[in-house]
Amino acid sequence: MTTSAYLYLGAILFAVGALGTLMRPSVVERLVGVELMLAAAMLTFVASAVGFRELEGQVAALLVIGTAVAQASVGFALVARARGPE
């Protein structure tokens, strides 16, 4: 596949994640949309890095992974807080 195909896929994934974030009523479902947008950004960074034969895009993808992990931990904390002590 060409680099442009990966960039188009990233744009489509980002749009789906943005719609999911805007249309869902639940906080956890909105966080899933944000997670999808982060994955789309990571795909775009890596595809650009491969296309331009540079390393900076892959480093940026690692930073996006760190942000996604932090966001997932906030989501898990929200779910645990909503359930309350058992």
PDB file of N, CA and C in Angstrom:
ATOM      1  N   MET A   1       0.840  -1.180   0.000  1.00  0.00           N
ATOM      2  CA  MET A   1       0.000   0.000   0.000  1.00  0.00           C
ATOM      3  C   MET A   1       0.882   1.239   0.000  1.00  0.00           C
ATOM      4  N   THR A   2       0.363   2.279  -0.559  1.00  0.00           N
ATOM      5  CA  THR A   2       1.118   3.525  -0.608  1.00  0.00           C
ATOM      6  C   THR A   2       0.914   4.322   0.674  1.00  0.00           C
ATOM      7  N   THR A   3       1.759   5.332   0.843  1.00  0.00           N
ATOM      8  CA  THR A   3       1.662   6.178   2.030  1.00  0.00           C
ATOM      9  C   THR A   3       0.352   6.947   2.043  1.00  0.00           C
ATOM     10  N   SER A   4      -0.115   7.367   0.896  1.00  0.00           N
ATOM     11  CA  SER A   4      -1.365   8.133   0.850  1.00  0.00           C
ATOM     12  C   SER A   4      -2.558   7.288   1.298  1.00  0.00           C
ATOM     13  N   ALA A   5      -2.531   5.994   1.040  1.00  0.00           N
ATOM     14  CA  ALA A   5      -3.619   5.128   1.490  1.00  0.00           C
ATOM     15  C   ALA A   5      -3.677   5.088   3.018  1.00  0.00           C
ATOM     16  N   TYR A   6      -2.517   5.020   3.658  1.00  0.00           N
ATOM     17  CA  TYR A   6      -2.480   5.043   5.120  1.00  0.00           C
ATOM     18  C   TYR A   6      -2.948   6.397   5.661  1.00  0.00           C
ATOM     19  N   LEU A   7      -2.599   7.471   4.971  1.00  0.00           N
ATOM     20  CA  LEU A   7      -3.041   8.790   5.410  1.00  0.00           C
ATOM     21  C   LEU A   7      -4.551   8.946   5.263  1.00  0.00           C
ATOM     22  N   TYR A   8      -5.123   8.414   4.196  1.00  0.00           N
ATOM     23  CA  TYR A   8      -6.576   8.441   4.043  1.00  0.00           C
ATOM     24  C   TYR A   8      -7.256   7.609   5.126  1.00  0.00           C
ATOM     25  N   LEU A   9      -6.694   6.450   5.418  1.00  0.00           N
ATOM     26  CA  LEU A   9      -7.244   5.601   6.475  1.00  0.00           C
ATOM     27  C   LEU A   9      -7.196   6.324   7.819  1.00  0.00           C
ATOM     28  N   GLY A  10      -6.084   7.019   8.086  1.00  0.00           N
ATOM     29  CA  GLY A  10      -5.976   7.787   9.324  1.00  0.00           C
ATOM     30  C   GLY A  10      -7.016   8.895   9.395  1.00  0.00           C
ATOM     31  N   ALA A  11      -7.279   9.553   8.275  1.00  0.00           N
ATOM     32  CA  ALA A  11      -8.288  10.613   8.251  1.00  0.00           C
ATOM     33  C   ALA A  11      -9.687  10.059   8.500  1.00  0.00           C
ATOM     34  N   ILE A  12      -9.980   8.912   7.926  1.00  0.00           N
ATOM     35  CA  ILE A  12     -11.289   8.293   8.129  1.00  0.00           C
ATOM     36  C   ILE A  12     -11.453   7.855   9.584  1.00  0.00           C
ATOM     37  N   LEU A  13     -10.417   7.231  10.151  1.00  0.00           N
ATOM     38  CA  LEU A  13     -10.478   6.822  11.551  1.00  0.00           C
ATOM     39  C   LEU A  13     -10.641   8.020  12.479  1.00  0.00           C
ATOM     40  N   PHE A  14      -9.944   9.116  12.175  1.00  0.00           N
ATOM     41  CA  PHE A  14     -10.066  10.308  12.998  1.00  0.00           C
ATOM     42  C   PHE A  14     -11.481  10.872  12.933  1.00  0.00           C
ATOM     43  N   ALA A  15     -12.078  10.868  11.746  1.00  0.00           N
ATOM     44  CA  ALA A  15     -13.445  11.380  11.601  1.00  0.00           C
ATOM     45  C   ALA A  15     -14.440  10.510  12.365  1.00  0.00           C
ATOM     46  N   VAL A  16     -14.269   9.199  12.296  1.00  0.00           N
ATOM     47  CA  VAL A  16     -15.159   8.300  13.038  1.00  0.00           C
ATOM     48  C   VAL A  16     -14.999   8.520  14.541  1.00  0.00           C
ATOM     49  N   GLY A  17     -13.763   8.686  14.999  1.00  0.00           N
ATOM     50  CA  GLY A  17     -13.535   8.945  16.416  1.00  0.00           C
ATOM     51  C   GLY A  17     -14.113  10.277  16.864  1.00  0.00           C
ATOM     52  N   ALA A  18     -14.002  11.304  16.018  1.00  0.00           N
ATOM     53  CA  ALA A  18     -14.565  12.607  16.359  1.00  0.00           C
ATOM     54  C   ALA A  18     -16.092  12.538  16.431  1.00  0.00           C
ATOM     55  N   LEU A  19     -16.706  11.837  15.497  1.00  0.00           N
ATOM     56  CA  LEU A  19     -18.163  11.675  15.547  1.00  0.00           C
ATOM     57  C   LEU A  19     -18.581  10.882  16.772  1.00  0.00           C
ATOM     58  N   GLY A  20     -17.820   9.850  17.103  1.00  0.00           N
ATOM     59  CA  GLY A  20     -18.120   9.072  18.300  1.00  0.00           C
ATOM     60  C   GLY A  20     -17.986   9.885  19.563  1.00  0.00           C
ATOM     61  N   THR A  21     -17.011  10.780  19.593  1.00  0.00           N
ATOM     62  CA  THR A  21     -16.828  11.626  20.762  1.00  0.00           C
ATOM     63  C   THR A  21     -17.961  12.643  20.893  1.00  0.00           C
ATOM     64  N   LEU A  22     -18.407  13.176  19.791  1.00  0.00           N
ATOM     65  CA  LEU A  22     -19.450  14.198  19.838  1.00  0.00           C
ATOM     66  C   LEU A  22     -20.852  13.629  20.023  1.00  0.00           C
ATOM     67  N   MET A  23     -21.094  12.406  19.567  1.00  0.00           N
ATOM     68  CA  MET A  23     -22.453  11.877  19.551  1.00  0.00           C
ATOM     69  C   MET A  23     -22.802  10.988  20.741  1.00  0.00           C
ATOM     70  N   ARG A  24     -21.814  10.508  21.488  1.00  0.00           N
ATOM     71  CA  ARG A  24     -22.090   9.560  22.569  1.00  0.00           C
ATOM     72  C   ARG A  24     -22.385  10.272  23.877  1.00  0.00           C
ATOM     73  N   PRO A  25     -23.366   9.794  24.627  1.00  0.00           N
ATOM     74  CA  PRO A  25     -23.695  10.450  25.894  1.00  0.00           C
ATOM     75  C   PRO A  25     -22.810  10.014  27.062  1.00  0.00           C
ATOM     76  N   SER A  26     -22.293   8.810  27.019  1.00  0.00           N
ATOM     77  CA  SER A  26     -21.513   8.276  28.134  1.00  0.00           C
ATOM     78  C   SER A  26     -20.070   8.769  28.078  1.00  0.00           C
ATOM     79  N   VAL A  27     -19.506   9.008  29.247  1.00  0.00           N
ATOM     80  CA  VAL A  27     -18.119   9.474  29.317  1.00  0.00           C
ATOM     81  C   VAL A  27     -17.168   8.397  28.817  1.00  0.00           C
ATOM     82  N   VAL A  28     -17.434   7.166  29.150  1.00  0.00           N
ATOM     83  CA  VAL A  28     -16.556   6.073  28.722  1.00  0.00           C
ATOM     84  C   VAL A  28     -16.605   5.913  27.204  1.00  0.00           C
ATOM     85  N   GLU A  29     -17.768   6.037  26.624  1.00  0.00           N
ATOM     86  CA  GLU A  29     -17.886   5.940  25.166  1.00  0.00           C
ATOM     87  C   GLU A  29     -17.177   7.106  24.484  1.00  0.00           C
ATOM     88  N   ARG A  30     -17.198   8.272  25.100  1.00  0.00           N
ATOM     89  CA  ARG A  30     -16.466   9.411  24.553  1.00  0.00           C
ATOM     90  C   ARG A  30     -14.968   9.174  24.632  1.00  0.00           C
ATOM     91  N   LEU A  31     -14.522   8.548  25.703  1.00  0.00           N
ATOM     92  CA  LEU A  31     -13.101   8.234  25.823  1.00  0.00           C
ATOM     93  C   LEU A  31     -12.662   7.213  24.769  1.00  0.00           C
ATOM     94  N   VAL A  32     -13.551   6.311  24.391  1.00  0.00           N
ATOM     95  CA  VAL A  32     -13.244   5.371  23.309  1.00  0.00           C
ATOM     96  C   VAL A  32     -13.068   6.128  21.997  1.00  0.00           C
ATOM     97  N   GLY A  33     -13.898   7.136  21.771  1.00  0.00           N
ATOM     98  CA  GLY A  33     -13.741   7.969  20.575  1.00  0.00           C
ATOM     99  C   GLY A  33     -12.422   8.714  20.570  1.00  0.00           C
ATOM    100  N   VAL A  34     -12.034   9.234  21.725  1.00  0.00           N
ATOM    101  CA  VAL A  34     -10.739   9.915  21.827  1.00  0.00           C
ATOM    102  C   VAL A  34      -9.600   8.925  21.585  1.00  0.00           C
ATOM    103  N   GLU A  35      -9.747   7.717  22.084  1.00  0.00           N
ATOM    104  CA  GLU A  35      -8.737   6.680  21.858  1.00  0.00           C
ATOM    105  C   GLU A  35      -8.608   6.362  20.365  1.00  0.00           C
ATOM    106  N   LEU A  36      -9.718   6.334  19.662  1.00  0.00           N
ATOM    107  CA  LEU A  36      -9.687   6.091  18.221  1.00  0.00           C
ATOM    108  C   LEU A  36      -9.010   7.244  17.484  1.00  0.00           C
ATOM    109  N   MET A  37      -9.249   8.475  17.945  1.00  0.00           N
ATOM    110  CA  MET A  37      -8.580   9.617  17.322  1.00  0.00           C
ATOM    111  C   MET A  37      -7.074   9.575  17.586  1.00  0.00           C
ATOM    112  N   LEU A  38      -6.672   9.145  18.774  1.00  0.00           N
ATOM    113  CA  LEU A  38      -5.243   9.017  19.057  1.00  0.00           C
ATOM    114  C   LEU A  38      -4.597   7.931  18.187  1.00  0.00           C
ATOM    115  N   ALA A  39      -5.312   6.844  17.968  1.00  0.00           N
ATOM    116  CA  ALA A  39      -4.791   5.786  17.095  1.00  0.00           C
ATOM    117  C   ALA A  39      -4.648   6.287  15.658  1.00  0.00           C
ATOM    118  N   ALA A  40      -5.601   7.104  15.216  1.00  0.00           N
ATOM    119  CA  ALA A  40      -5.519   7.668  13.868  1.00  0.00           C
ATOM    120  C   ALA A  40      -4.334   8.611  13.752  1.00  0.00           C
ATOM    121  N   ALA A  41      -4.093   9.412  14.783  1.00  0.00           N
ATOM    122  CA  ALA A  41      -2.936  10.305  14.763  1.00  0.00           C
ATOM    123  C   ALA A  41      -1.637   9.511  14.750  1.00  0.00           C
ATOM    124  N   MET A  42      -1.593   8.430  15.506  1.00  0.00           N
ATOM    125  CA  MET A  42      -0.396   7.591  15.534  1.00  0.00           C
ATOM    126  C   MET A  42      -0.152   6.953  14.164  1.00  0.00           C
ATOM    127  N   LEU A  43      -1.204   6.473  13.521  1.00  0.00           N
ATOM    128  CA  LEU A  43      -1.075   5.902  12.185  1.00  0.00           C
ATOM    129  C   LEU A  43      -0.560   6.936  11.194  1.00  0.00           C
ATOM    130  N   THR A  44      -1.043   8.170  11.306  1.00  0.00           N
ATOM    131  CA  THR A  44      -0.598   9.240  10.418  1.00  0.00           C
ATOM    132  C   THR A  44       0.868   9.575  10.646  1.00  0.00           C
ATOM    133  N   PHE A  45       1.287   9.642  11.912  1.00  0.00           N
ATOM    134  CA  PHE A  45       2.689   9.921  12.216  1.00  0.00           C
ATOM    135  C   PHE A  45       3.608   8.853  11.648  1.00  0.00           C
ATOM    136  N   VAL A  46       3.248   7.593  11.846  1.00  0.00           N
ATOM    137  CA  VAL A  46       4.110   6.504  11.378  1.00  0.00           C
ATOM    138  C   VAL A  46       4.126   6.441   9.852  1.00  0.00           C
ATOM    139  N   ALA A  47       2.973   6.635   9.223  1.00  0.00           N
ATOM    140  CA  ALA A  47       2.931   6.617   7.757  1.00  0.00           C
ATOM    141  C   ALA A  47       3.760   7.756   7.178  1.00  0.00           C
ATOM    142  N   SER A  48       3.696   8.923   7.797  1.00  0.00           N
ATOM    143  CA  SER A  48       4.507  10.044   7.324  1.00  0.00           C
ATOM    144  C   SER A  48       5.989   9.783   7.535  1.00  0.00           C
ATOM    145  N   ALA A  49       6.331   9.170   8.651  1.00  0.00           N
ATOM    146  CA  ALA A  49       7.736   8.859   8.924  1.00  0.00           C
ATOM    147  C   ALA A  49       8.291   7.875   7.899  1.00  0.00           C
ATOM    148  N   VAL A  50       7.494   6.898   7.543  1.00  0.00           N
ATOM    149  CA  VAL A  50       7.944   5.935   6.536  1.00  0.00           C
ATOM    150  C   VAL A  50       8.026   6.602   5.168  1.00  0.00           C
ATOM    151  N   GLY A  51       7.048   7.442   4.859  1.00  0.00           N
ATOM    152  CA  GLY A  51       7.027   8.103   3.553  1.00  0.00           C
ATOM    153  C   GLY A  51       8.191   9.064   3.358  1.00  0.00           C
ATOM    154  N   PHE A  52       8.550   9.791   4.414  1.00  0.00           N
ATOM    155  CA  PHE A  52       9.646  10.751   4.317  1.00  0.00           C
ATOM    156  C   PHE A  52      10.987  10.177   4.756  1.00  0.00           C
ATOM    157  N   ARG A  53      10.978   8.923   5.201  1.00  0.00           N
ATOM    158  CA  ARG A  53      12.189   8.236   5.696  1.00  0.00           C
ATOM    159  C   ARG A  53      12.856   9.045   6.812  1.00  0.00           C
ATOM    160  N   GLU A  54      12.049   9.465   7.771  1.00  0.00           N
ATOM    161  CA  GLU A  54      12.515  10.211   8.931  1.00  0.00           C
ATOM    162  C   GLU A  54      12.122   9.461  10.198  1.00  0.00           C
ATOM    163  N   LEU A  55      12.808   9.738  11.283  1.00  0.00           N
ATOM    164  CA  LEU A  55      12.551   9.056  12.537  1.00  0.00           C
ATOM    165  C   LEU A  55      11.594   9.833  13.445  1.00  0.00           C
ATOM    166  N   GLU A  56      11.406  11.120  13.200  1.00  0.00           N
ATOM    167  CA  GLU A  56      10.635  11.958  14.101  1.00  0.00           C
ATOM    168  C   GLU A  56       9.172  11.516  14.206  1.00  0.00           C
ATOM    169  N   GLY A  57       8.598  11.011  13.142  1.00  0.00           N
ATOM    170  CA  GLY A  57       7.214  10.549  13.172  1.00  0.00           C
ATOM    171  C   GLY A  57       7.029   9.361  14.091  1.00  0.00           C
ATOM    172  N   GLN A  58       8.021   8.483  14.119  1.00  0.00           N
ATOM    173  CA  GLN A  58       7.931   7.329  15.005  1.00  0.00           C
ATOM    174  C   GLN A  58       8.109   7.737  16.464  1.00  0.00           C
ATOM    175  N   VAL A  59       8.937   8.730  16.709  1.00  0.00           N
ATOM    176  CA  VAL A  59       9.087   9.248  18.067  1.00  0.00           C
ATOM    177  C   VAL A  59       7.786   9.903  18.516  1.00  0.00           C
ATOM    178  N   ALA A  60       7.153  10.643  17.631  1.00  0.00           N
ATOM    179  CA  ALA A  60       5.860  11.259  17.950  1.00  0.00           C
ATOM    180  C   ALA A  60       4.806  10.183  18.219  1.00  0.00           C
ATOM    181  N   ALA A  61       4.871   9.064  17.497  1.00  0.00           N
ATOM    182  CA  ALA A  61       3.929   7.971  17.735  1.00  0.00           C
ATOM    183  C   ALA A  61       4.130   7.383  19.131  1.00  0.00           C
ATOM    184  N   LEU A  62       5.364   7.307  19.592  1.00  0.00           N
ATOM    185  CA  LEU A  62       5.608   6.840  20.958  1.00  0.00           C
ATOM    186  C   LEU A  62       5.009   7.798  21.986  1.00  0.00           C
ATOM    187  N   LEU A  63       5.078   9.087  21.722  1.00  0.00           N
ATOM    188  CA  LEU A  63       4.456  10.056  22.620  1.00  0.00           C
ATOM    189  C   LEU A  63       2.932   9.913  22.609  1.00  0.00           C
ATOM    190  N   VAL A  64       2.367   9.614  21.452  1.00  0.00           N
ATOM    191  CA  VAL A  64       0.926   9.398  21.364  1.00  0.00           C
ATOM    192  C   VAL A  64       0.536   8.150  22.144  1.00  0.00           C
ATOM    193  N   ILE A  65       1.363   7.112  22.110  1.00  0.00           N
ATOM    194  CA  ILE A  65       1.086   5.905  22.889  1.00  0.00           C
ATOM    195  C   ILE A  65       1.079   6.234  24.375  1.00  0.00           C
ATOM    196  N   GLY A  66       2.034   7.049  24.815  1.00  0.00           N
ATOM    197  CA  GLY A  66       2.050   7.456  26.220  1.00  0.00           C
ATOM    198  C   GLY A  66       0.810   8.235  26.606  1.00  0.00           C
ATOM    199  N   THR A  67       0.356   9.114  25.732  1.00  0.00           N
ATOM    200  CA  THR A  67      -0.870   9.871  25.987  1.00  0.00           C
ATOM    201  C   THR A  67      -2.081   8.940  26.024  1.00  0.00           C
ATOM    202  N   ALA A  68      -2.115   7.956  25.151  1.00  0.00           N
ATOM    203  CA  ALA A  68      -3.233   7.016  25.125  1.00  0.00           C
ATOM    204  C   ALA A  68      -3.271   6.174  26.396  1.00  0.00           C
ATOM    205  N   VAL A  69      -2.116   5.806  26.902  1.00  0.00           N
ATOM    206  CA  VAL A  69      -2.072   5.034  28.148  1.00  0.00           C
ATOM    207  C   VAL A  69      -2.589   5.877  29.309  1.00  0.00           C
ATOM    208  N   ALA A  70      -2.185   7.142  29.361  1.00  0.00           N
ATOM    209  CA  ALA A  70      -2.674   8.030  30.419  1.00  0.00           C
ATOM    210  C   ALA A  70      -4.181   8.231  30.311  1.00  0.00           C
ATOM    211  N   GLN A  71      -4.677   8.363  29.104  1.00  0.00           N
ATOM    212  CA  GLN A  71      -6.106   8.543  28.894  1.00  0.00           C
ATOM    213  C   GLN A  71      -6.876   7.282  29.276  1.00  0.00           C
ATOM    214  N   ALA A  72      -6.327   6.124  28.977  1.00  0.00           N
ATOM    215  CA  ALA A  72      -6.986   4.867  29.344  1.00  0.00           C
ATOM    216  C   ALA A  72      -7.035   4.698  30.858  1.00  0.00           C
ATOM    217  N   SER A  73      -5.976   5.113  31.538  1.00  0.00           N
ATOM    218  CA  SER A  73      -5.988   4.995  32.999  1.00  0.00           C
ATOM    219  C   SER A  73      -7.033   5.926  33.612  1.00  0.00           C
ATOM    220  N   VAL A  74      -7.230   7.100  33.037  1.00  0.00           N
ATOM    221  CA  VAL A  74      -8.289   7.994  33.509  1.00  0.00           C
ATOM    222  C   VAL A  74      -9.653   7.354  33.264  1.00  0.00           C
ATOM    223  N   GLY A  75      -9.828   6.719  32.127  1.00  0.00           N
ATOM    224  CA  GLY A  75     -11.090   6.030  31.842  1.00  0.00           C
ATOM    225  C   GLY A  75     -11.367   4.905  32.815  1.00  0.00           C
ATOM    226  N   PHE A  76     -10.348   4.118  33.134  1.00  0.00           N
ATOM    227  CA  PHE A  76     -10.523   3.041  34.108  1.00  0.00           C
ATOM    228  C   PHE A  76     -10.846   3.601  35.483  1.00  0.00           C
ATOM    229  N   ALA A  77     -10.229   4.707  35.848  1.00  0.00           N
ATOM    230  CA  ALA A  77     -10.519   5.328  37.139  1.00  0.00           C
ATOM    231  C   ALA A  77     -11.954   5.827  37.197  1.00  0.00           C
ATOM    232  N   LEU A  78     -12.445   6.390  36.079  1.00  0.00           N
ATOM    233  CA  LEU A  78     -13.837   6.836  36.043  1.00  0.00           C
ATOM    234  C   LEU A  78     -14.820   5.674  36.189  1.00  0.00           C
ATOM    235  N   VAL A  79     -14.521   4.570  35.551  1.00  0.00           N
ATOM    236  CA  VAL A  79     -15.389   3.394  35.664  1.00  0.00           C
ATOM    237  C   VAL A  79     -15.365   2.857  37.088  1.00  0.00           C
ATOM    238  N   ALA A  80     -14.176   2.795  37.684  1.00  0.00           N
ATOM    239  CA  ALA A  80     -14.073   2.294  39.059  1.00  0.00           C
ATOM    240  C   ALA A  80     -14.776   3.242  40.031  1.00  0.00           C
ATOM    241  N   ARG A  81     -14.687   4.531  39.793  1.00  0.00           N
ATOM    242  CA  ARG A  81     -15.330   5.524  40.674  1.00  0.00           C
ATOM    243  C   ARG A  81     -16.853   5.443  40.529  1.00  0.00           C
ATOM    244  N   ALA A  82     -17.338   5.181  39.327  1.00  0.00           N
ATOM    245  CA  ALA A  82     -18.781   5.115  39.102  1.00  0.00           C
ATOM    246  C   ALA A  82     -19.401   3.901  39.796  1.00  0.00           C
ATOM    247  N   ARG A  83     -18.659   2.820  39.881  1.00  0.00           N
ATOM    248  CA  ARG A  83     -19.171   1.630  40.530  1.00  0.00           C
ATOM    249  C   ARG A  83     -19.209   1.763  42.046  1.00  0.00           C
ATOM    250  N   GLY A  84     -18.285   2.530  42.578  1.00  0.00           N
ATOM    251  CA  GLY A  84     -18.244   2.766  44.018  1.00  0.00           C
ATOM    252  C   GLY A  84     -17.649   1.585  44.763  1.00  0.00           C
ATOM    253  N   PRO A  85     -17.543   1.732  46.073  1.00  0.00           N
ATOM    254  CA  PRO A  85     -16.966   0.630  46.868  1.00  0.00           C
ATOM    255  C   PRO A  85     -17.911  -0.551  46.917  1.00  0.00           C
ATOM    256  N   GLU A  86     -17.350  -1.724  46.821  1.00  0.00           N
ATOM    257  CA  GLU A  86     -18.183  -2.928  46.835  1.00  0.00           C
ATOM    258  C   GLU A  86     -17.860  -3.779  48.024  1.00  0.00           C
TER     259      GLU A  86
END
